[in-house]
Amino acid sequence: MWVCAATFAAASNITARGFDEVQAAATTVYLPSELRAKVARMADAQGRSASSVIVEAVRFRLGRHEQGIESLSRRDLARLESRVDKVVRDGALIKETLLLFVRVWLEHNPPLEEHLEASAAASAAARFERFLDYVANSIDSGRSLAHFEPQTSEVERLNGAAS
């Protein structure tokens, strides 16, 4: 560990180091050795004191914190953008899958005869209500429908044979 403690009192010394304050309070900062070495190298390279480098870093960090959402780094923004792109891509995939299912369904199921339409509509309404109940129960229990393999009795229940 390295201890960096500094007291700034003279205005001429402060402005030479790049500080605006006329006086600054003494603060003790404990730094890990690798960070202390980085601060010392930067201070030597810029011809500044280690304390001025630390003060600048603290000001920068606190300034970013005060700016809120504007302080997001480019990396954070890129990460959020890639997440949004994934959601948009997934939404498009779901839409295409649904449209393909409807197209195949319509191609392979002929229209009903007029005398069967009323009973088919009633059966479809009852089956749809059971399906909605099943989805609501699955959501409430926290189970995913994507990883679900129905048992024979559940398939019969959805089809109306068990009711």
C-alpha atoms as a PDB file:
ATOM      1  CA  MET A   1       0.000   0.000   0.000  1.00  0.00           C
ATOM      2  CA  TRP A   2       1.030   3.519  -0.681  1.00  0.00           C
ATOM      3  CA  VAL A   3      -0.380   6.525   1.107  1.00  0.00           C
ATOM      4  CA  CYS A   4      -0.972   9.729  -0.788  1.00  0.00           C
ATOM      5  CA  ALA A   5      -1.755  12.679   1.465  1.00  0.00           C
ATOM      6  CA  ALA A   6      -1.622  16.282   0.360  1.00  0.00           C
ATOM      7  CA  THR A   7      -2.479  19.697   1.721  1.00  0.00           C
ATOM      8  CA  PHE A   8      -2.836  22.554  -0.726  1.00  0.00           C
ATOM      9  CA  ALA A   9      -2.654  26.034   0.755  1.00  0.00           C
ATOM     10  CA  ALA A  10      -0.640  28.329  -1.488  1.00  0.00           C
ATOM     11  CA  ALA A  11      -2.464  29.705  -4.528  1.00  0.00           C
ATOM     12  CA  SER A  12       0.705  29.793  -6.640  1.00  0.00           C
ATOM     13  CA  ASN A  13       1.388  26.079  -6.064  1.00  0.00           C
ATOM     14  CA  ILE A  14      -2.207  25.140  -6.730  1.00  0.00           C
ATOM     15  CA  THR A  15      -2.529  26.873 -10.090  1.00  0.00           C
ATOM     16  CA  ALA A  16       0.791  25.434 -11.220  1.00  0.00           C
ATOM     17  CA  ARG A  17      -0.618  21.960 -10.589  1.00  0.00           C
ATOM     18  CA  GLY A  18      -3.851  22.684 -12.407  1.00  0.00           C
ATOM     19  CA  PHE A  19      -6.255  23.251  -9.488  1.00  0.00           C
ATOM     20  CA  ASP A  20      -8.818  26.036  -9.323  1.00  0.00           C
ATOM     21  CA  GLU A  21      -9.346  26.140  -5.576  1.00  0.00           C
ATOM     22  CA  VAL A  22      -7.425  28.622  -3.474  1.00  0.00           C
ATOM     23  CA  GLN A  23      -7.346  26.135  -0.606  1.00  0.00           C
ATOM     24  CA  ALA A  24      -7.968  22.422  -0.410  1.00  0.00           C
ATOM     25  CA  ALA A  25      -8.346  20.142   2.575  1.00  0.00           C
ATOM     26  CA  ALA A  26      -5.889  17.356   3.301  1.00  0.00           C
ATOM     27  CA  THR A  27      -7.137  13.885   2.436  1.00  0.00           C
ATOM     28  CA  THR A  28      -5.432  10.542   2.854  1.00  0.00           C
ATOM     29  CA  VAL A  29      -5.921   8.094   0.015  1.00  0.00           C
ATOM     30  CA  TYR A  30      -4.836   4.444   0.271  1.00  0.00           C
ATOM     31  CA  LEU A  31      -4.034   2.970  -3.111  1.00  0.00           C
ATOM     32  CA  PRO A  32      -3.064  -0.565  -4.128  1.00  0.00           C
ATOM     33  CA  SER A  33       0.548  -0.718  -5.344  1.00  0.00           C
ATOM     34  CA  GLU A  34      -0.330  -1.260  -9.028  1.00  0.00           C
ATOM     35  CA  LEU A  35      -2.640   1.768  -9.025  1.00  0.00           C
ATOM     36  CA  ARG A  36      -0.052   3.839  -7.156  1.00  0.00           C
ATOM     37  CA  ALA A  37       2.495   2.959  -9.855  1.00  0.00           C
ATOM     38  CA  LYS A  38       0.103   4.011 -12.631  1.00  0.00           C
ATOM     39  CA  VAL A  39      -0.620   7.325 -10.885  1.00  0.00           C
ATOM     40  CA  ALA A  40       3.101   7.959 -10.367  1.00  0.00           C
ATOM     41  CA  ARG A  41       3.907   7.184 -14.029  1.00  0.00           C
ATOM     42  CA  MET A  42       1.143   9.473 -15.261  1.00  0.00           C
ATOM     43  CA  ALA A  43       2.187  12.270 -12.913  1.00  0.00           C
ATOM     44  CA  ASP A  44       5.846  11.986 -13.994  1.00  0.00           C
ATOM     45  CA  ALA A  45       4.918  11.902 -17.677  1.00  0.00           C
ATOM     46  CA  GLN A  46       2.769  15.030 -17.342  1.00  0.00           C
ATOM     47  CA  GLY A  47       5.082  16.847 -14.936  1.00  0.00           C
ATOM     48  CA  ARG A  48       2.385  16.992 -12.276  1.00  0.00           C
ATOM     49  CA  SER A  49       1.996  15.818  -8.730  1.00  0.00           C
ATOM     50  CA  ALA A  50       0.334  12.504  -7.917  1.00  0.00           C
ATOM     51  CA  SER A  51      -2.286  14.427  -5.935  1.00  0.00           C
ATOM     52  CA  SER A  52      -3.299  16.490  -8.983  1.00  0.00           C
ATOM     53  CA  VAL A  53      -3.740  13.311 -11.033  1.00  0.00           C
ATOM     54  CA  ILE A  54      -5.909  11.790  -8.292  1.00  0.00           C
ATOM     55  CA  VAL A  55      -8.003  14.971  -7.954  1.00  0.00           C
ATOM     56  CA  GLU A  56      -8.563  15.046 -11.721  1.00  0.00           C
ATOM     57  CA  ALA A  57      -9.626  11.377 -11.714  1.00  0.00           C
ATOM     58  CA  VAL A  58     -12.051  11.941  -8.827  1.00  0.00           C
ATOM     59  CA  ARG A  59     -13.535  15.026 -10.529  1.00  0.00           C
ATOM     60  CA  PHE A  60     -13.967  13.101 -13.760  1.00  0.00           C
ATOM     61  CA  ARG A  61     -15.656  10.179 -11.998  1.00  0.00           C
ATOM     62  CA  LEU A  62     -17.980  12.365  -9.958  1.00  0.00           C
ATOM     63  CA  GLY A  63     -18.804  14.439 -13.029  1.00  0.00           C
ATOM     64  CA  ARG A  64     -19.846  11.309 -14.909  1.00  0.00           C
ATOM     65  CA  HIS A  65     -21.958  10.209 -11.948  1.00  0.00           C
ATOM     66  CA  GLU A  66     -23.759  13.567 -11.795  1.00  0.00           C
ATOM     67  CA  GLN A  67     -24.583  13.524 -15.495  1.00  0.00           C
ATOM     68  CA  GLY A  68     -26.720  10.391 -15.097  1.00  0.00           C
ATOM     69  CA  ILE A  69     -27.796   8.771 -18.349  1.00  0.00           C
ATOM     70  CA  GLU A  70     -25.531  11.063 -20.364  1.00  0.00           C
ATOM     71  CA  SER A  71     -22.539   9.475 -18.678  1.00  0.00           C
ATOM     72  CA  LEU A  72     -23.079   6.059 -20.253  1.00  0.00           C
ATOM     73  CA  SER A  73     -19.906   4.940 -21.903  1.00  0.00           C
ATOM     74  CA  ARG A  74     -19.739   3.901 -25.520  1.00  0.00           C
ATOM     75  CA  ARG A  75     -19.322   0.320 -24.392  1.00  0.00           C
ATOM     76  CA  ASP A  76     -22.515   0.499 -22.313  1.00  0.00           C
ATOM     77  CA  LEU A  77     -24.397   2.040 -25.222  1.00  0.00           C
ATOM     78  CA  ALA A  78     -23.098  -0.612 -27.616  1.00  0.00           C
ATOM     79  CA  ARG A  79     -24.170  -3.349 -25.200  1.00  0.00           C
ATOM     80  CA  LEU A  80     -27.659  -1.871 -24.885  1.00  0.00           C
ATOM     81  CA  GLU A  81     -27.906  -1.430 -28.647  1.00  0.00           C
ATOM     82  CA  SER A  82     -26.999  -5.071 -29.248  1.00  0.00           C
ATOM     83  CA  ARG A  83     -29.673  -6.153 -26.748  1.00  0.00           C
ATOM     84  CA  VAL A  84     -32.298  -4.062 -28.526  1.00  0.00           C
ATOM     85  CA  ASP A  85     -31.170  -5.501 -31.879  1.00  0.00           C
ATOM     86  CA  LYS A  86     -31.598  -9.014 -30.459  1.00  0.00           C
ATOM     87  CA  VAL A  87     -35.122  -8.214 -29.224  1.00  0.00           C
ATOM     88  CA  VAL A  88     -36.060  -6.779 -32.632  1.00  0.00           C
ATOM     89  CA  ARG A  89     -34.580  -9.846 -34.378  1.00  0.00           C
ATOM     90  CA  ASP A  90     -36.442 -12.202 -32.025  1.00  0.00           C
ATOM     91  CA  GLY A  91     -39.698 -10.310 -32.620  1.00  0.00           C
ATOM     92  CA  ALA A  92     -39.259 -10.597 -36.385  1.00  0.00           C
ATOM     93  CA  LEU A  93     -38.531 -14.325 -36.032  1.00  0.00           C
ATOM     94  CA  ILE A  94     -41.676 -14.853 -33.948  1.00  0.00           C
ATOM     95  CA  LYS A  95     -43.752 -12.933 -36.496  1.00  0.00           C
ATOM     96  CA  GLU A  96     -42.372 -14.959 -39.423  1.00  0.00           C
ATOM     97  CA  THR A  97     -42.943 -18.227 -37.539  1.00  0.00           C
ATOM     98  CA  LEU A  98     -46.549 -17.331 -36.799  1.00  0.00           C
ATOM     99  CA  LEU A  99     -47.218 -16.263 -40.378  1.00  0.00           C
ATOM    100  CA  LEU A 100     -45.683 -19.492 -41.701  1.00  0.00           C
ATOM    101  CA  PHE A 101     -47.818 -21.544 -39.304  1.00  0.00           C
ATOM    102  CA  VAL A 102     -51.005 -19.766 -40.412  1.00  0.00           C
ATOM    103  CA  ARG A 103     -50.097 -20.237 -44.080  1.00  0.00           C
ATOM    104  CA  VAL A 104     -49.419 -23.974 -43.659  1.00  0.00           C
ATOM    105  CA  TRP A 105     -52.589 -24.366 -41.576  1.00  0.00           C
ATOM    106  CA  LEU A 106     -54.705 -22.712 -44.266  1.00  0.00           C
ATOM    107  CA  GLU A 107     -53.075 -24.738 -47.043  1.00  0.00           C
ATOM    108  CA  HIS A 108     -53.736 -28.092 -45.331  1.00  0.00           C
ATOM    109  CA  ASN A 109     -57.181 -27.529 -43.813  1.00  0.00           C
ATOM    110  CA  PRO A 110     -60.078 -27.209 -46.238  1.00  0.00           C
ATOM    111  CA  PRO A 111     -62.980 -24.862 -45.479  1.00  0.00           C
ATOM    112  CA  LEU A 112     -65.817 -26.327 -43.435  1.00  0.00           C
ATOM    113  CA  GLU A 113     -69.157 -27.223 -44.924  1.00  0.00           C
ATOM    114  CA  GLU A 114     -71.943 -24.818 -43.969  1.00  0.00           C
ATOM    115  CA  HIS A 115     -73.889 -27.304 -41.841  1.00  0.00           C
ATOM    116  CA  LEU A 116     -70.737 -27.973 -39.680  1.00  0.00           C
ATOM    117  CA  GLU A 117     -69.713 -24.327 -39.122  1.00  0.00           C
ATOM    118  CA  ALA A 118     -71.823 -23.698 -36.002  1.00  0.00           C
ATOM    119  CA  SER A 119     -70.686 -26.823 -34.142  1.00  0.00           C
ATOM    120  CA  ALA A 120     -67.047 -26.240 -35.195  1.00  0.00           C
ATOM    121  CA  ALA A 121     -67.202 -22.646 -33.931  1.00  0.00           C
ATOM    122  CA  ALA A 122     -68.593 -23.783 -30.565  1.00  0.00           C
ATOM    123  CA  SER A 123     -65.944 -26.505 -30.255  1.00  0.00           C
ATOM    124  CA  ALA A 124     -63.182 -24.062 -31.219  1.00  0.00           C
ATOM    125  CA  ALA A 125     -64.385 -21.505 -28.645  1.00  0.00           C
ATOM    126  CA  ALA A 126     -64.396 -24.114 -25.864  1.00  0.00           C
ATOM    127  CA  ARG A 127     -60.955 -25.423 -26.823  1.00  0.00           C
ATOM    128  CA  PHE A 128     -59.589 -21.879 -27.032  1.00  0.00           C
ATOM    129  CA  GLU A 129     -60.881 -21.082 -23.517  1.00  0.00           C
ATOM    130  CA  ARG A 130     -59.150 -24.226 -22.181  1.00  0.00           C
ATOM    131  CA  PHE A 131     -55.965 -23.185 -23.989  1.00  0.00           C
ATOM    132  CA  LEU A 132     -56.077 -19.713 -22.410  1.00  0.00           C
ATOM    133  CA  ASP A 133     -56.579 -21.284 -18.961  1.00  0.00           C
ATOM    134  CA  TYR A 134     -53.617 -23.559 -19.586  1.00  0.00           C
ATOM    135  CA  VAL A 135     -51.408 -20.625 -20.625  1.00  0.00           C
ATOM    136  CA  ALA A 136     -52.488 -18.586 -17.576  1.00  0.00           C
ATOM    137  CA  ASN A 137     -51.714 -21.508 -15.240  1.00  0.00           C
ATOM    138  CA  SER A 138     -48.308 -22.000 -16.863  1.00  0.00           C
ATOM    139  CA  ILE A 139     -47.458 -18.314 -16.498  1.00  0.00           C
ATOM    140  CA  ASP A 140     -48.610 -18.257 -12.867  1.00  0.00           C
ATOM    141  CA  SER A 141     -46.512 -21.322 -12.019  1.00  0.00           C
ATOM    142  CA  GLY A 142     -43.426 -19.890 -13.761  1.00  0.00           C
ATOM    143  CA  ARG A 143     -43.061 -22.832 -16.142  1.00  0.00           C
ATOM    144  CA  SER A 144     -41.957 -22.120 -19.692  1.00  0.00           C
ATOM    145  CA  LEU A 145     -44.212 -23.384 -22.448  1.00  0.00           C
ATOM    146  CA  ALA A 146     -41.189 -23.630 -24.765  1.00  0.00           C
ATOM    147  CA  HIS A 147     -39.621 -26.423 -22.690  1.00  0.00           C
ATOM    148  CA  PHE A 148     -42.844 -28.261 -22.009  1.00  0.00           C
ATOM    149  CA  GLU A 149     -43.559 -31.768 -23.282  1.00  0.00           C
ATOM    150  CA  PRO A 150     -47.259 -32.493 -22.721  1.00  0.00           C
ATOM    151  CA  GLN A 151     -48.424 -35.778 -21.239  1.00  0.00           C
ATOM    152  CA  THR A 152     -51.100 -37.746 -23.094  1.00  0.00           C
ATOM    153  CA  SER A 153     -53.766 -36.726 -20.564  1.00  0.00           C
ATOM    154  CA  GLU A 154     -52.942 -33.022 -21.049  1.00  0.00           C
ATOM    155  CA  VAL A 155     -53.190 -33.369 -24.820  1.00  0.00           C
ATOM    156  CA  GLU A 156     -56.595 -35.046 -24.430  1.00  0.00           C
ATOM    157  CA  ARG A 157     -57.690 -32.310 -22.005  1.00  0.00           C
ATOM    158  CA  LEU A 158     -56.681 -29.595 -24.498  1.00  0.00           C
ATOM    159  CA  ASN A 159     -58.536 -31.405 -27.264  1.00  0.00           C
ATOM    160  CA  GLY A 160     -61.654 -31.706 -25.112  1.00  0.00           C
ATOM    161  CA  ALA A 161     -61.683 -35.503 -24.785  1.00  0.00           C
ATOM    162  CA  ALA A 162     -61.008 -35.485 -21.029  1.00  0.00           C
ATOM    163  CA  SER A 163     -63.651 -32.843 -20.144  1.00  0.00           C
END
